[in-house]
């Protein structure tokens, strides 16, 4: 930045104010007025000379000289706006910024008049150097005290035959020292950096900005942190290789023709089976009807809502029990009921409340509890666990429906499926 303006006897303040006021401005006006009067008195005849400012003509000349001085100083400041070292802040964008950002839109936000001017000048010099990696790196360094590293992604994949070799051929990354950058205004830095990179980078390239954090362990003799040094290693496993192997004792899927799509079309249930062995991400295949297609299982549920401390009316089939029960997670409780008489596959139906719907009873709870169908408790059973027979799907089905044919995968590696054999006498295999 130049220390002096091209025209002498002008305002020395840098940057100067557009609004003409202040002690320095008035001083400059007085000095310029005196210069104009001296020049004037040297040109007029001796008869008009006066040793003192008293006659009317001297007062008129002084007033005119003062106005001329103000006009001259203003004109000189306008002229100095063309010198980037002295351009007034109000006109920085019109004079200099419009050259760097001709399309308008977002412009960098830099605190301080002198800092903003210095930034624009430095950015202009970078633009004149052309679109190069070193130029982009230097442009980002104008915005922060942090160290910036330039990384070309293509170099990592250059000697391979992987598709990234071509995908990343125009990709670059700028790594900014995160420890230093976070002590500054990070949001302003990110916004300004995006604008600067867009201004300086070649049109066919794309850049990503990342913060690099380093860990230091111990201190060296100078008391500085020492970067931990060690050998790096990694292990890679190809999951798709496992897909060629089969767990021959694993069940492949559950199949049924009693699938029911609930009214919200993301819930799918079947009270004739238990989904306790279905995992998140399993594939449900509806093989017929308007809902025919494949769906991903997002969750396996006992109830759509879960805990409900208000007693709700219910019925069971085929035992024909009825009453009101509360829900705690996957357990229903009715202190006025004895569930010990229910059968395996018993269907429990809430007729009201947020969990209204049919569910499959699974396990007796209490001191004589156990799976329904294998346990015959002699005492009163007031609490029963519900079997997970409800699937929440990742996408909605077309319509609510009942009695749908479907399969749902149990194990990605499983292969066992049910095989029905008719017309064959196998009694010989069961004789002792």
Protein backbone atom coordinates (compact mmCIF):
# COMPACT_ATOMS: atom_id res chain seq x y z
CA UNK A 1 0.00 0.00 0.00
CA UNK A 2 1.34 3.44 -0.98
CA UNK A 3 1.99 5.89 1.87
CA UNK A 4 1.16 9.09 0.02
CA UNK A 5 -1.53 10.22 -2.38
CA UNK A 6 -0.65 11.38 -5.87
CA UNK A 7 -2.02 14.91 -5.36
CA UNK A 8 -0.44 17.06 -2.66
CA UNK A 9 -2.40 19.17 -0.17
CA UNK A 10 -5.33 16.70 0.09
CA UNK A 11 -6.77 14.83 3.06
CA UNK A 12 -4.21 12.51 4.61
CA UNK A 13 -6.73 10.33 6.43
CA UNK A 14 -6.99 6.86 4.90
CA UNK A 15 -9.70 5.86 4.45
CA UNK A 16 -11.37 9.29 4.25
CA UNK A 17 -15.05 9.89 4.83
CA UNK A 18 -17.46 10.50 1.98
CA UNK A 19 -19.33 12.95 4.17
CA UNK A 20 -17.12 16.06 4.23
CA UNK A 21 -16.69 17.00 7.88
CA UNK A 22 -14.16 16.80 10.66
CA UNK A 23 -11.17 18.79 11.84
CA UNK A 24 -8.81 17.47 9.15
CA UNK A 25 -11.25 18.38 6.39
CA UNK A 26 -11.73 21.94 7.69
CA UNK A 27 -7.95 22.34 8.03
CA UNK A 28 -7.49 21.21 4.42
CA UNK A 29 -10.17 23.65 3.25
CA UNK A 30 -8.46 26.55 5.04
CA UNK A 31 -5.09 25.65 3.57
CA UNK A 32 -6.49 25.28 0.04
CA UNK A 33 -8.42 28.58 0.43
CA UNK A 34 -5.20 30.40 1.35
CA UNK A 35 -3.43 28.93 -1.70
CA UNK A 36 -6.24 30.12 -4.00
CA UNK A 37 -6.22 33.65 -2.47
CA UNK A 38 -2.44 33.93 -2.83
CA UNK A 39 -2.70 32.93 -6.48
CA UNK A 40 -5.55 35.41 -6.98
CA UNK A 41 -3.76 38.36 -5.37
CA UNK A 42 -0.70 37.65 -7.49
CA UNK A 43 -2.82 38.01 -10.64
CA UNK A 44 -4.96 41.13 -9.92
CA UNK A 45 -3.67 44.72 -10.44
CA UNK A 46 -1.97 46.50 -7.54
CA UNK A 47 -4.94 48.84 -7.12
CA UNK A 48 -7.02 45.93 -5.83
CA UNK A 49 -4.45 44.76 -3.32
CA UNK A 50 -5.30 45.13 0.34
CA UNK A 51 -3.08 44.31 3.27
CA UNK A 52 -6.07 43.16 5.34
CA UNK A 53 -9.30 41.30 4.57
CA UNK A 54 -11.71 44.12 4.99
CA UNK A 55 -12.96 45.61 1.74
CA UNK A 56 -16.03 44.00 0.26
CA UNK A 57 -14.21 42.70 -2.79
CA UNK A 58 -11.77 40.75 -0.55
CA UNK A 59 -14.66 39.19 1.37
CA UNK A 60 -16.29 38.11 -1.89
CA UNK A 61 -13.02 36.71 -3.17
CA UNK A 62 -12.47 34.79 0.09
CA UNK A 63 -16.00 33.27 -0.02
CA UNK A 64 -15.50 32.23 -3.65
CA UNK A 65 -12.08 30.82 -2.83
CA UNK A 66 -13.53 28.74 0.03
CA UNK A 67 -16.14 27.18 -2.23
CA UNK A 68 -13.51 26.51 -4.87
CA UNK A 69 -11.36 24.86 -2.19
CA UNK A 70 -14.21 22.54 -1.16
CA UNK A 71 -14.91 21.63 -4.80
CA UNK A 72 -11.22 21.02 -5.45
CA UNK A 73 -10.78 18.79 -2.40
CA UNK A 74 -13.89 16.76 -3.30
CA UNK A 75 -12.66 16.37 -6.88
CA UNK A 76 -9.24 15.30 -5.66
CA UNK A 77 -10.79 12.62 -3.39
CA UNK A 78 -12.89 11.35 -6.29
CA UNK A 79 -9.74 11.13 -8.38
CA UNK A 80 -7.94 9.24 -5.61
CA UNK A 81 -10.74 6.61 -5.61
CA UNK A 82 -9.05 5.21 -8.74
CA UNK A 83 -5.98 4.38 -6.62
CA UNK A 84 -6.80 1.13 -4.79
CA UNK A 85 -4.59 2.25 -1.89
CA UNK A 86 -6.87 5.20 -1.16
CA UNK A 87 -10.31 4.15 -2.45
CA UNK A 88 -12.95 5.18 0.05
CA UNK A 89 -14.89 2.26 1.64
CA UNK A 90 -18.23 3.44 0.21
CA UNK A 91 -16.92 2.89 -3.31
CA UNK A 92 -14.75 -0.19 -2.83
CA UNK A 93 -17.21 -2.52 -4.50
CA UNK A 94 -17.99 -0.18 -7.41
CA UNK A 95 -14.31 0.48 -8.11
CA UNK A 96 -12.62 -2.79 -7.17
CA UNK A 97 -15.18 -5.40 -6.13
CA UNK A 98 -17.07 -5.26 -9.42
CA UNK A 99 -13.92 -6.44 -11.20
CA UNK A 100 -13.67 -9.53 -8.97
CA UNK A 101 -17.38 -10.35 -8.74
CA UNK A 102 -18.88 -9.13 -12.02
CA UNK A 103 -21.97 -11.29 -11.63
CA UNK A 104 -22.97 -9.65 -8.36
CA UNK A 105 -24.70 -11.90 -5.82
CA UNK A 106 -22.85 -12.88 -2.64
CA UNK A 107 -19.67 -11.00 -1.77
CA UNK A 108 -17.22 -11.72 1.07
CA UNK A 109 -17.90 -10.13 4.45
CA UNK A 110 -14.64 -8.74 5.88
CA UNK A 111 -14.54 -6.69 9.09
CA UNK A 112 -12.75 -3.33 8.86
CA UNK A 113 -12.35 -0.85 5.99
CA UNK A 114 -8.61 -1.23 5.55
CA UNK A 115 -8.79 -5.03 5.97
CA UNK A 116 -11.53 -5.25 3.35
CA UNK A 117 -9.53 -3.16 0.89
CA UNK A 118 -6.36 -5.16 1.51
CA UNK A 119 -8.30 -8.38 0.93
CA UNK A 120 -9.77 -7.18 -2.37
CA UNK A 121 -6.35 -6.00 -3.59
CA UNK A 122 -4.73 -9.32 -2.73
CA UNK A 123 -7.59 -11.23 -4.36
CA UNK A 124 -7.22 -9.17 -7.55
CA UNK A 125 -3.53 -10.08 -7.74
CA UNK A 126 -4.47 -13.76 -7.39
CA UNK A 127 -7.06 -13.51 -10.16
CA UNK A 128 -4.42 -12.07 -12.47
CA UNK A 129 -2.21 -15.13 -11.85
CA UNK A 130 -4.82 -17.45 -13.40
CA UNK A 131 -6.80 -20.43 -12.07
CA UNK A 132 -4.20 -22.66 -10.40
CA UNK A 133 -4.15 -24.86 -7.32
CA UNK A 134 -1.67 -22.56 -5.57
CA UNK A 135 -3.92 -19.57 -6.31
CA UNK A 136 -6.99 -21.22 -4.75
CA UNK A 137 -4.96 -22.17 -1.67
CA UNK A 138 -3.61 -18.62 -1.31
CA UNK A 139 -7.12 -17.20 -1.70
CA UNK A 140 -8.42 -19.20 1.26
CA UNK A 141 -5.35 -18.24 3.29
CA UNK A 142 -6.39 -14.59 2.92
CA UNK A 143 -9.41 -15.34 5.15
CA UNK A 144 -7.76 -17.07 8.09
CA UNK A 145 -4.64 -17.30 10.20
CA UNK A 146 -4.89 -21.11 10.06
CA UNK A 147 -2.60 -23.24 7.96
CA UNK A 148 -4.21 -24.50 4.72
CA UNK A 149 -3.19 -27.63 2.82
CA UNK A 150 -4.19 -28.39 -0.78
CA UNK A 151 -4.98 -32.03 -1.61
CA UNK A 152 -5.65 -33.49 -5.07
CA UNK A 153 -7.94 -36.50 -4.74
CA UNK A 154 -6.98 -37.99 -8.09
CA UNK A 155 -3.47 -38.77 -6.84
CA UNK A 156 -4.81 -41.32 -4.36
CA UNK A 157 -6.60 -43.31 -7.07
CA UNK A 158 -4.22 -42.68 -9.99
CA UNK A 159 -2.49 -46.06 -9.93
CA UNK A 160 -5.69 -48.11 -9.49
CA UNK A 161 -8.38 -49.36 -11.86
CA UNK A 162 -11.23 -48.37 -9.55
CA UNK A 163 -14.00 -46.05 -10.85
CA UNK A 164 -12.90 -43.37 -8.35
CA UNK A 165 -9.92 -42.83 -10.63
CA UNK A 166 -12.23 -41.09 -13.08
CA UNK A 167 -14.82 -39.77 -10.64
CA UNK A 168 -12.23 -37.86 -8.62
CA UNK A 169 -10.05 -36.65 -11.51
CA UNK A 170 -11.32 -33.08 -11.07
CA UNK A 171 -11.83 -33.23 -7.29
CA UNK A 172 -9.74 -31.24 -4.81
CA UNK A 173 -9.84 -30.73 -1.05
CA UNK A 174 -8.59 -27.91 1.16
CA UNK A 175 -7.63 -28.99 4.68
CA UNK A 176 -7.72 -26.14 7.22
CA UNK A 177 -6.06 -26.38 10.62
CA UNK A 178 -9.17 -26.83 12.78
CA UNK A 179 -7.58 -25.83 16.09
CA UNK A 180 -6.75 -22.33 14.79
CA UNK A 181 -9.84 -21.88 12.61
CA UNK A 182 -12.26 -22.57 15.46
CA UNK A 183 -10.89 -19.59 17.39
CA UNK A 184 -12.25 -17.37 14.58
CA UNK A 185 -15.72 -16.78 13.19
CA UNK A 186 -16.20 -20.18 11.57
CA UNK A 187 -19.52 -19.44 9.86
CA UNK A 188 -18.19 -16.24 8.27
CA UNK A 189 -15.03 -18.07 7.18
CA UNK A 190 -17.01 -20.88 5.52
CA UNK A 191 -19.22 -18.42 3.64
CA UNK A 192 -16.27 -16.28 2.49
CA UNK A 193 -14.20 -19.32 1.54
CA UNK A 194 -16.99 -20.67 -0.66
CA UNK A 195 -17.16 -17.35 -2.54
CA UNK A 196 -13.38 -17.07 -2.93
CA UNK A 197 -13.00 -20.67 -4.16
CA UNK A 198 -15.78 -20.14 -6.70
CA UNK A 199 -14.01 -16.99 -7.92
CA UNK A 200 -10.53 -18.52 -8.26
CA UNK A 201 -11.03 -22.18 -9.20
CA UNK A 202 -11.13 -23.51 -12.78
CA UNK A 203 -14.72 -24.01 -13.94
CA UNK A 204 -14.42 -27.80 -14.44
CA UNK A 205 -13.12 -28.54 -10.93
CA UNK A 206 -14.92 -28.95 -7.62
CA UNK A 207 -13.56 -28.26 -4.15
CA UNK A 208 -14.47 -29.39 -0.64
CA UNK A 209 -13.35 -27.61 2.51
CA UNK A 210 -12.53 -29.67 5.62
CA UNK A 211 -11.18 -28.90 9.07
CA UNK A 212 -8.16 -30.97 10.06
CA UNK A 213 -7.63 -31.67 13.77
CA UNK A 214 -4.40 -33.09 15.16
CA UNK A 215 -3.68 -34.76 18.46
CA UNK A 216 -0.44 -34.07 20.29
CA UNK A 217 1.16 -36.30 22.89
CA UNK A 218 3.86 -35.12 25.26
CA UNK A 219 6.25 -32.21 24.71
CA UNK A 220 9.61 -31.79 23.03
CA UNK A 221 12.60 -29.95 24.45
CA UNK A 222 11.14 -26.58 23.40
CA UNK A 223 7.92 -27.30 25.31
CA UNK A 224 5.89 -27.75 22.15
CA UNK A 225 3.38 -30.52 21.53
CA UNK A 226 4.74 -33.54 19.68
CA UNK A 227 2.56 -35.23 17.10
CA UNK A 228 1.99 -38.88 17.90
CA UNK A 229 3.88 -41.07 15.44
CA UNK A 230 2.92 -44.65 14.78
CA UNK A 231 2.40 -47.13 11.98
CA UNK A 232 -1.09 -47.30 10.54
CA UNK A 233 -2.82 -50.47 9.40
CA UNK A 234 -6.28 -51.55 8.37
CA UNK A 235 -8.21 -54.71 7.67
CA UNK A 236 -10.70 -55.09 4.87
CA UNK A 237 -13.40 -57.71 4.60
CA UNK A 238 -15.60 -58.30 1.59
CA UNK A 239 -19.11 -58.89 2.89
CA UNK A 240 -20.27 -60.13 -0.51
CA UNK A 241 -17.95 -63.13 -0.17
CA UNK A 242 -20.00 -64.25 2.83
CA UNK A 243 -23.12 -64.15 0.69
CA UNK A 244 -21.76 -67.10 -1.28
CA UNK A 245 -21.72 -69.17 1.88
CA UNK A 246 -24.88 -70.62 3.36
CA UNK A 247 -25.96 -71.48 6.88
CA UNK A 248 -27.82 -74.63 5.98
CA UNK A 249 -29.49 -74.98 9.37
CA UNK A 250 -31.02 -71.51 9.21
CA UNK A 251 -34.60 -70.79 8.24
CA UNK A 252 -34.85 -68.76 5.05
CA UNK A 253 -38.28 -67.21 5.41
CA UNK A 254 -41.75 -67.27 6.94
CA UNK A 255 -44.64 -67.84 4.51
CA UNK A 256 -48.34 -67.31 5.15
CA UNK A 257 -51.58 -66.28 3.47
CA UNK A 258 -53.00 -64.30 6.41
CA UNK A 259 -51.12 -61.05 5.99
CA UNK A 260 -53.04 -57.92 6.92
CA UNK A 261 -52.17 -54.34 5.91
CA UNK A 262 -53.45 -51.81 8.46
CA UNK A 263 -55.22 -48.58 7.56
CA UNK A 264 -52.10 -46.38 7.81
CA UNK A 265 -50.49 -48.76 5.23
CA UNK A 266 -47.09 -48.89 6.98
CA UNK A 267 -48.15 -51.59 9.48
CA UNK A 268 -48.37 -55.24 8.41
CA UNK A 269 -49.50 -58.01 10.77
CA UNK A 270 -50.26 -61.73 10.92
CA UNK A 271 -51.71 -63.19 14.16
CA UNK A 272 -51.12 -66.74 12.97
CA UNK A 273 -47.33 -66.49 13.25
CA UNK A 274 -44.69 -64.82 15.43
CA UNK A 275 -42.21 -62.32 13.99
CA UNK A 276 -39.81 -62.52 16.95
CA UNK A 277 -37.02 -63.84 14.69
CA UNK A 278 -37.47 -61.16 12.02
CA UNK A 279 -34.70 -58.54 12.00
CA UNK A 280 -34.72 -54.92 10.94
CA UNK A 281 -33.94 -54.72 7.23
CA UNK A 282 -35.69 -58.01 6.40
CA UNK A 283 -37.53 -58.18 3.07
CA UNK A 284 -41.30 -58.64 3.00
CA UNK A 285 -42.68 -59.91 -0.31
CA UNK A 286 -46.40 -59.66 -0.98
CA UNK A 287 -47.00 -62.00 -3.91
CA UNK A 288 -50.51 -61.01 -5.00
CA UNK A 289 -53.11 -58.23 -4.89
CA UNK A 290 -52.75 -54.48 -5.26
CA UNK A 291 -49.96 -54.45 -2.65
CA UNK A 292 -47.84 -56.92 -4.62
CA UNK A 293 -44.16 -56.07 -4.32
CA UNK A 294 -41.15 -55.97 -2.01
CA UNK A 295 -40.95 -53.92 1.21
CA UNK A 296 -38.17 -53.34 3.76
CA UNK A 297 -38.95 -54.02 7.43
CA UNK A 298 -38.09 -50.98 9.56
CA UNK A 299 -39.16 -52.35 12.96
CA UNK A 300 -40.78 -55.39 14.61
CA UNK A 301 -43.49 -54.47 17.14
CA UNK A 302 -45.87 -56.03 19.63
CA UNK A 303 -48.16 -52.95 19.68
CA UNK A 304 -48.19 -49.94 17.36
CA UNK A 305 -48.20 -47.46 20.27
CA UNK A 306 -46.93 -49.49 23.22
CA UNK A 307 -47.56 -48.53 26.84
CA UNK A 308 -51.15 -47.49 27.59
CA UNK A 309 -52.01 -47.17 31.29
CA UNK A 310 -55.74 -46.72 30.59
CA UNK A 311 -57.73 -49.95 30.79
CA UNK A 312 -59.20 -50.72 27.36
CA UNK A 313 -61.95 -53.20 26.40
CA UNK A 314 -60.85 -56.48 24.78
CA UNK A 315 -61.99 -59.92 23.65
CA UNK A 316 -60.12 -63.17 22.90
CA UNK A 317 -60.62 -65.99 20.42
CA UNK A 318 -61.26 -68.91 20.67
CA UNK A 319 -61.48 -68.76 24.49
CA UNK A 320 -64.07 -65.92 24.36
CA UNK A 321 -62.65 -63.99 27.30
CA UNK A 322 -63.46 -60.30 27.71
CA UNK A 323 -62.70 -57.42 30.06
CA UNK A 324 -60.47 -54.35 30.21
CA UNK A 325 -56.65 -54.45 30.21
CA UNK A 326 -53.68 -52.09 30.38
CA UNK A 327 -50.50 -52.27 28.28
CA UNK A 328 -46.92 -51.99 29.56
CA UNK A 329 -44.49 -52.31 26.66
CA UNK A 330 -45.41 -55.80 25.33
CA UNK A 331 -47.37 -57.05 28.39
CA UNK A 332 -51.16 -56.89 28.87
CA UNK A 333 -52.61 -57.02 32.39
CA UNK A 334 -56.17 -57.53 33.65
CA UNK A 335 -56.27 -58.12 37.41
CA UNK A 336 -59.92 -59.24 37.17
CA UNK A 337 -59.17 -61.94 34.56
CA UNK A 338 -57.66 -65.43 34.57
CA UNK A 339 -55.84 -66.11 31.28
CA UNK A 340 -54.70 -69.62 32.25
CA UNK A 341 -57.37 -71.19 30.01
CA UNK A 342 -56.26 -69.62 26.73
CA UNK A 343 -54.89 -71.86 23.98
CA UNK A 344 -51.82 -71.74 21.77
CA UNK A 345 -52.44 -69.25 18.95
CA UNK A 346 -55.02 -67.33 21.02
CA UNK A 347 -55.89 -64.00 19.39
CA UNK A 348 -56.28 -61.02 21.70
CA UNK A 349 -58.25 -58.05 20.31
CA UNK A 350 -58.41 -54.51 21.72
CA UNK A 351 -61.73 -53.01 20.61
CA UNK A 352 -60.78 -49.42 21.54
CA UNK A 353 -57.85 -47.15 22.29
CA UNK A 354 -54.61 -46.35 20.44
CA UNK A 355 -53.67 -50.05 20.26
CA UNK A 356 -57.00 -51.17 18.80
CA UNK A 357 -56.39 -54.31 16.76
CA UNK A 358 -55.71 -58.06 17.00
CA UNK A 359 -52.56 -59.64 18.48
CA UNK A 360 -51.18 -63.10 19.23
CA UNK A 361 -50.73 -64.16 22.88
CA UNK A 362 -47.26 -65.62 23.53
CA UNK A 363 -46.27 -66.25 27.17
CA UNK A 364 -47.88 -66.54 30.61
CA UNK A 365 -46.20 -64.34 33.22
CA UNK A 366 -45.88 -65.03 36.95
CA UNK A 367 -44.46 -67.80 39.12
CA UNK A 368 -46.11 -70.50 36.98
CA UNK A 369 -45.51 -68.70 33.67
CA UNK A 370 -44.26 -70.15 30.41
CA UNK A 371 -45.08 -70.43 26.71
CA UNK A 372 -48.78 -70.79 25.99
CA UNK A 373 -49.54 -74.34 24.84
CA UNK A 374 -46.65 -75.93 26.76
CA UNK A 375 -47.56 -74.65 30.24
CA UNK A 376 -50.77 -75.35 32.19
CA UNK A 377 -50.67 -73.09 35.28
CA UNK A 378 -52.85 -74.05 38.23
CA UNK A 379 -52.99 -70.52 39.67
CA UNK A 380 -54.60 -67.37 38.31
CA UNK A 381 -52.73 -65.70 35.43
CA UNK A 382 -53.45 -61.96 35.15
CA UNK A 383 -50.59 -60.90 32.84
CA UNK A 384 -49.63 -62.23 29.41
CA UNK A 385 -46.87 -61.21 27.02
CA UNK A 386 -47.89 -60.45 23.45
CA UNK A 387 -45.98 -62.05 20.57
CA UNK A 388 -44.31 -59.68 18.08
CA UNK A 389 -46.67 -60.13 15.14
CA UNK A 390 -46.58 -56.60 13.72
CA UNK A 391 -44.11 -55.18 11.17
CA UNK A 392 -43.52 -51.48 10.52
CA UNK A 393 -42.46 -50.98 6.91
CA UNK A 394 -40.09 -48.37 5.51
CA UNK A 395 -42.53 -47.45 2.71
CA UNK A 396 -46.32 -47.38 2.50
CA UNK A 397 -48.36 -50.05 0.74
CA UNK A 398 -51.03 -49.18 -1.83
CA UNK A 399 -54.10 -50.04 0.25
CA UNK A 400 -55.33 -51.64 3.46
CA UNK A 401 -56.06 -55.34 2.87
CA UNK A 402 -56.49 -58.73 4.57
CA UNK A 403 -55.70 -62.38 3.70
CA UNK A 404 -52.62 -61.57 1.63
CA UNK A 405 -50.06 -64.15 0.51
CA UNK A 406 -46.57 -63.15 1.60
CA UNK A 407 -43.11 -64.25 2.63
CA UNK A 408 -40.70 -62.44 4.95
CA UNK A 409 -36.99 -63.31 5.20
CA UNK A 410 -35.68 -64.62 8.52
CA UNK A 411 -31.95 -65.03 7.91
CA UNK A 412 -29.92 -63.61 5.01
CA UNK A 413 -27.83 -66.80 5.01
CA UNK A 414 -30.60 -69.29 5.78
CA UNK A 415 -31.75 -71.90 3.23
CA UNK A 416 -34.25 -74.16 5.03
CA UNK A 417 -37.82 -73.93 3.75
CA UNK A 418 -40.83 -76.07 4.64
CA UNK A 419 -41.38 -79.04 2.26
CA UNK A 420 -44.75 -80.79 2.13
CA UNK A 421 -44.75 -84.46 1.10
CA UNK A 422 -48.05 -86.34 0.45
CA UNK A 423 -48.79 -89.91 -0.54
CA UNK A 424 -45.72 -91.40 1.14
CA UNK A 425 -45.72 -93.90 4.03
CA UNK A 426 -42.92 -92.99 6.45
CA UNK A 427 -44.15 -95.12 9.40
CA UNK A 428 -41.15 -97.45 9.09
CA UNK A 429 -38.90 -94.66 10.26
CA UNK A 430 -40.77 -94.39 13.54
CA UNK A 431 -40.99 -98.05 14.62
CA UNK A 432 -38.71 -99.25 17.41
